[in-house]
Protein backbone atom coordinates (compact mmCIF):
# COMPACT_ATOMS: atom_id res chain seq x y z
CA UNK A 1 120.50 50.94 -116.01
CA UNK A 2 123.36 51.96 -113.70
CA UNK A 3 124.55 54.42 -116.34
CA UNK A 4 121.08 55.98 -116.60
CA UNK A 5 120.78 56.28 -112.83
CA UNK A 6 124.21 57.93 -112.69
CA UNK A 7 123.16 60.36 -115.43
CA UNK A 8 119.97 61.23 -113.54
CA UNK A 9 121.92 61.86 -110.31
CA UNK A 10 124.32 64.11 -112.21
CA UNK A 11 121.41 65.99 -113.78
CA UNK A 12 119.84 66.59 -110.36
CA UNK A 13 123.20 67.75 -109.01
CA UNK A 14 123.52 70.24 -111.85
CA UNK A 15 119.99 71.56 -111.26
CA UNK A 16 120.71 72.10 -107.57
CA UNK A 17 123.97 73.90 -108.39
CA UNK A 18 122.25 76.05 -111.00
CA UNK A 19 119.49 76.89 -108.55
CA UNK A 20 122.09 78.05 -106.01
CA UNK A 21 123.67 80.31 -108.64
CA UNK A 22 120.40 81.74 -109.97
CA UNK A 23 118.98 82.35 -106.49
CA UNK A 24 122.13 84.12 -105.33
CA UNK A 25 123.24 85.93 -108.50
CA UNK A 26 120.14 86.26 -110.67
CA UNK A 27 120.02 85.12 -114.28
CA UNK A 28 122.28 87.79 -115.75
CA UNK A 29 125.22 87.23 -113.38
CA UNK A 30 125.02 83.46 -113.08
CA UNK A 31 127.34 81.59 -115.47
CA UNK A 32 127.69 78.00 -116.60
CA UNK A 33 131.31 78.16 -115.45
CA UNK A 34 130.12 78.85 -111.91
CA UNK A 35 127.56 76.04 -112.10
CA UNK A 36 130.25 73.63 -113.35
CA UNK A 37 132.56 74.72 -110.55
CA UNK A 38 129.87 73.95 -107.95
CA UNK A 39 129.44 70.44 -109.34
CA UNK A 40 133.09 69.70 -109.91
CA UNK A 41 132.36 69.05 -113.59
CA UNK A 42 134.04 70.46 -116.64
CA UNK A 43 132.02 72.91 -118.68
CA UNK A 44 132.02 70.41 -121.55
CA UNK A 45 130.52 67.70 -119.33
CA UNK A 46 127.89 70.16 -118.15
CA UNK A 47 126.95 70.91 -121.77
CA UNK A 48 126.18 67.22 -122.19
CA UNK A 49 123.23 67.67 -119.80
CA UNK A 50 122.24 71.30 -120.40
CA UNK A 51 123.59 72.99 -123.55
CA UNK A 52 122.70 76.52 -122.42
CA UNK A 53 121.96 78.67 -119.39
CA UNK A 54 118.50 79.39 -120.78
CA UNK A 55 117.63 75.69 -120.91
CA UNK A 56 118.81 75.29 -117.30
CA UNK A 57 116.62 78.20 -116.20
CA UNK A 58 113.65 76.92 -118.18
CA UNK A 59 113.96 73.48 -116.58
CA UNK A 60 113.94 74.95 -113.08
CA UNK A 61 110.91 77.08 -113.93
CA UNK A 62 109.04 74.11 -115.37
CA UNK A 63 109.79 71.93 -112.34
CA UNK A 64 108.70 74.63 -109.91
CA UNK A 65 105.49 75.19 -111.81
CA UNK A 66 104.64 71.50 -111.36
CA UNK A 67 105.43 71.81 -107.63
CA UNK A 68 103.22 74.91 -107.39
CA UNK A 69 100.31 73.20 -109.15
CA UNK A 70 100.55 70.21 -106.82
CA UNK A 71 100.61 72.53 -103.81
CA UNK A 72 97.64 74.51 -105.12
CA UNK A 73 95.51 71.43 -105.83
CA UNK A 74 96.37 69.92 -102.45
CA UNK A 75 95.42 73.05 -100.50
CA UNK A 76 92.52 74.43 -102.56
CA UNK A 77 90.03 71.64 -101.94
CA UNK A 78 86.31 71.92 -102.79
CA UNK A 79 84.29 73.24 -99.88
CA UNK A 80 87.29 74.77 -98.07
CA UNK A 81 86.89 78.42 -97.04
CA UNK A 82 88.89 80.71 -99.31
CA UNK A 83 90.63 82.50 -96.47
CA UNK A 84 91.84 79.21 -95.01
CA UNK A 85 93.17 78.17 -98.43
CA UNK A 86 94.88 81.55 -98.88
CA UNK A 87 96.55 81.32 -95.48
CA UNK A 88 97.73 77.75 -96.04
CA UNK A 89 99.11 78.53 -99.49
CA UNK A 90 100.93 81.68 -98.45
CA UNK A 91 102.44 80.10 -95.34
CA UNK A 92 103.52 76.99 -97.23
CA UNK A 93 105.04 79.05 -100.05
CA UNK A 94 106.96 81.10 -97.48
CA UNK A 95 108.23 77.93 -95.79
CA UNK A 96 109.28 76.35 -99.07
CA UNK A 97 111.03 79.48 -100.26
CA UNK A 98 113.10 79.25 -97.08
CA UNK A 99 114.04 75.60 -97.63
CA UNK A 100 113.66 74.76 -101.36
CA UNK A 101 116.50 76.28 -103.35
CA UNK A 102 114.92 75.33 -106.69
CA UNK A 103 111.66 77.10 -105.89
CA UNK A 104 113.61 80.10 -104.61
CA UNK A 105 115.60 80.23 -107.85
CA UNK A 106 112.47 79.83 -109.96
CA UNK A 107 110.74 82.77 -108.28
CA UNK A 108 113.76 84.96 -108.94
CA UNK A 109 114.02 83.71 -112.52
CA UNK A 110 110.33 84.42 -113.11
CA UNK A 111 111.06 88.02 -112.15
CA UNK A 112 114.37 88.28 -114.02
CA UNK A 113 113.10 86.59 -117.20
CA UNK A 114 109.42 87.34 -117.76
CA UNK A 115 109.64 86.25 -121.42
CA UNK A 116 111.10 82.85 -120.51
CA UNK A 117 108.67 82.52 -117.60
CA UNK A 118 105.70 83.13 -119.92
CA UNK A 119 106.97 80.42 -122.23
CA UNK A 120 106.94 77.77 -119.49
CA UNK A 121 104.13 79.16 -118.82
CA UNK A 122 104.48 81.95 -116.28
CA UNK A 123 104.84 80.59 -112.74
CA UNK A 124 104.89 84.05 -111.19
CA UNK A 125 101.72 85.21 -112.94
CA UNK A 126 99.90 82.00 -112.10
CA UNK A 127 100.68 82.43 -108.39
CA UNK A 128 99.55 86.06 -108.57
CA UNK A 129 96.31 85.19 -110.36
CA UNK A 130 95.42 82.43 -107.92
CA UNK A 131 96.12 84.55 -104.85
CA UNK A 132 93.97 87.39 -106.23
CA UNK A 133 91.16 84.92 -106.94
CA UNK A 134 91.34 83.59 -103.38
CA UNK A 135 91.20 87.12 -101.98
CA UNK A 136 88.05 87.82 -104.02
CA UNK A 137 86.44 84.61 -102.82
CA UNK A 138 87.35 85.34 -99.19
CA UNK A 139 85.82 88.81 -99.50
CA UNK A 140 82.64 87.35 -100.97
CA UNK A 141 82.52 84.95 -98.02
CA UNK A 142 82.87 87.91 -95.62
CA UNK A 143 86.23 86.72 -94.31
CA UNK A 144 88.46 89.55 -95.55
CA UNK A 145 88.28 93.32 -95.55
CA UNK A 146 87.28 94.83 -98.92
CA UNK A 147 90.68 96.04 -100.06
CA UNK A 148 91.26 95.86 -103.84
CA UNK A 149 92.14 92.18 -104.48
CA UNK A 150 94.88 93.04 -106.99
CA UNK A 151 96.63 95.22 -104.41
CA UNK A 152 96.37 92.53 -101.75
CA UNK A 153 97.83 89.99 -104.19
CA UNK A 154 100.68 92.36 -105.03
CA UNK A 155 101.40 92.91 -101.33
CA UNK A 156 101.53 89.16 -100.69
CA UNK A 157 103.85 88.61 -103.67
CA UNK A 158 106.10 91.46 -102.59
CA UNK A 159 106.29 89.91 -99.13
CA UNK A 160 107.11 86.52 -100.64
CA UNK A 161 109.95 88.15 -102.54
CA UNK A 162 111.26 89.33 -99.19
CA UNK A 163 111.57 85.66 -98.19
CA UNK A 164 114.16 85.26 -100.96
CA UNK A 165 116.44 87.59 -99.04
CA UNK A 166 115.43 86.51 -95.53
CA UNK A 167 116.24 82.89 -96.37
CA UNK A 168 119.85 83.86 -97.05
CA UNK A 169 120.22 85.56 -93.66
CA UNK A 170 121.09 83.98 -90.35
CA UNK A 171 118.97 83.75 -87.20
CA UNK A 172 119.73 87.34 -86.26
CA UNK A 173 117.02 88.29 -88.74
CA UNK A 174 114.33 86.07 -87.25
CA UNK A 175 113.69 82.38 -86.72
CA UNK A 176 111.21 80.42 -88.79
CA UNK A 177 108.51 80.57 -86.05
CA UNK A 178 109.00 84.32 -85.81
CA UNK A 179 108.64 84.80 -89.54
CA UNK A 180 105.50 82.66 -89.55
CA UNK A 181 104.04 84.86 -86.82
CA UNK A 182 104.74 87.89 -89.01
CA UNK A 183 102.90 86.26 -91.90
CA UNK A 184 99.90 85.48 -89.70
CA UNK A 185 99.89 89.09 -88.49
CA UNK A 186 99.85 90.33 -92.09
CA UNK A 187 97.04 87.94 -93.10
CA UNK A 188 94.99 88.88 -90.03
CA UNK A 189 95.45 92.57 -90.81
CA UNK A 190 94.27 92.04 -94.38
CA UNK A 191 91.26 90.20 -93.01
CA UNK A 192 90.39 93.22 -90.85
CA UNK A 193 91.26 91.50 -87.58
CA UNK A 194 93.01 93.16 -84.67
CA UNK A 195 95.67 90.46 -84.35
CA UNK A 196 95.68 90.70 -80.52
CA UNK A 197 93.67 87.58 -79.85
CA UNK A 198 90.29 89.36 -80.00
CA UNK A 199 89.58 88.68 -83.68
CA UNK A 200 87.24 85.82 -84.49
CA UNK A 201 89.53 83.64 -86.59
CA UNK A 202 87.40 80.54 -86.20
CA UNK A 203 83.96 82.07 -86.47
CA UNK A 204 82.76 83.93 -89.54
CA UNK A 205 86.30 85.17 -90.23
CA UNK A 206 85.34 88.83 -89.88
CA UNK A 207 86.94 89.66 -86.53
CA UNK A 208 86.15 92.67 -84.36
CA UNK A 209 87.44 95.02 -87.04
CA UNK A 210 84.01 94.67 -88.67
CA UNK A 211 82.01 95.15 -85.49
CA UNK A 212 80.51 98.23 -83.92
CA UNK A 213 83.63 99.32 -82.05
CA UNK A 214 85.57 99.59 -85.31
CA UNK A 215 82.80 100.45 -87.71
CA UNK A 216 84.53 103.62 -88.86
CA UNK A 217 87.42 101.56 -90.20
CA UNK A 218 85.10 99.66 -92.50
CA UNK A 219 84.01 102.81 -94.21
CA UNK A 220 87.67 103.59 -94.79
CA UNK A 221 88.04 100.17 -96.38
CA UNK A 222 85.20 100.95 -98.76
CA UNK A 223 86.88 104.20 -99.69
CA UNK A 224 90.11 102.35 -100.47
CA UNK A 225 88.33 99.71 -102.49
CA UNK A 226 86.67 102.38 -104.58
CA UNK A 227 89.88 104.07 -105.60
């Protein structure tokens, strides 16, 4: 039993070290030698747990997919407004990308290795698909401006990718509360709210951007959605 526990601890240590390498270097530049160096193991000992870099990457992707599915099921509860679910998911993903090195590595790996990501299956595409679905639902509920859902999903994913870089920077580039405020500003803007405290975030979710004083902007939204 003690030997098994020791093996499990070593395996977790290797996964953390691999995640650090993949997140910082990407799949192509990361090497098993560098992972072994981070753990203090020989390359031969590392092979005893993970015989290839591809298997290491696949394990991180599979683990992060499980974490994503748990997060999605926890937040997307029956009867919950789609915009509230979207906001909770995006904010929580942004927080975790700042603190969870394995999730950060998995998101980069899903971009670097689309073929491997699809085989796990694709974490990145599942996140994209779910975000787009939430945007559609929020629009049907009247809580978001009618921008093309696929474009909104792409914008959110692009912004999440920015967290990969922001998480490696120091406080000169913004504290966690500041970054969260930026995310809320983006989500409010996508919902058609003014973001200055006048939008109705707790009413029907439409905000003043859909009222008479800003009616012209709604026509512009329809134009964009039709393109």
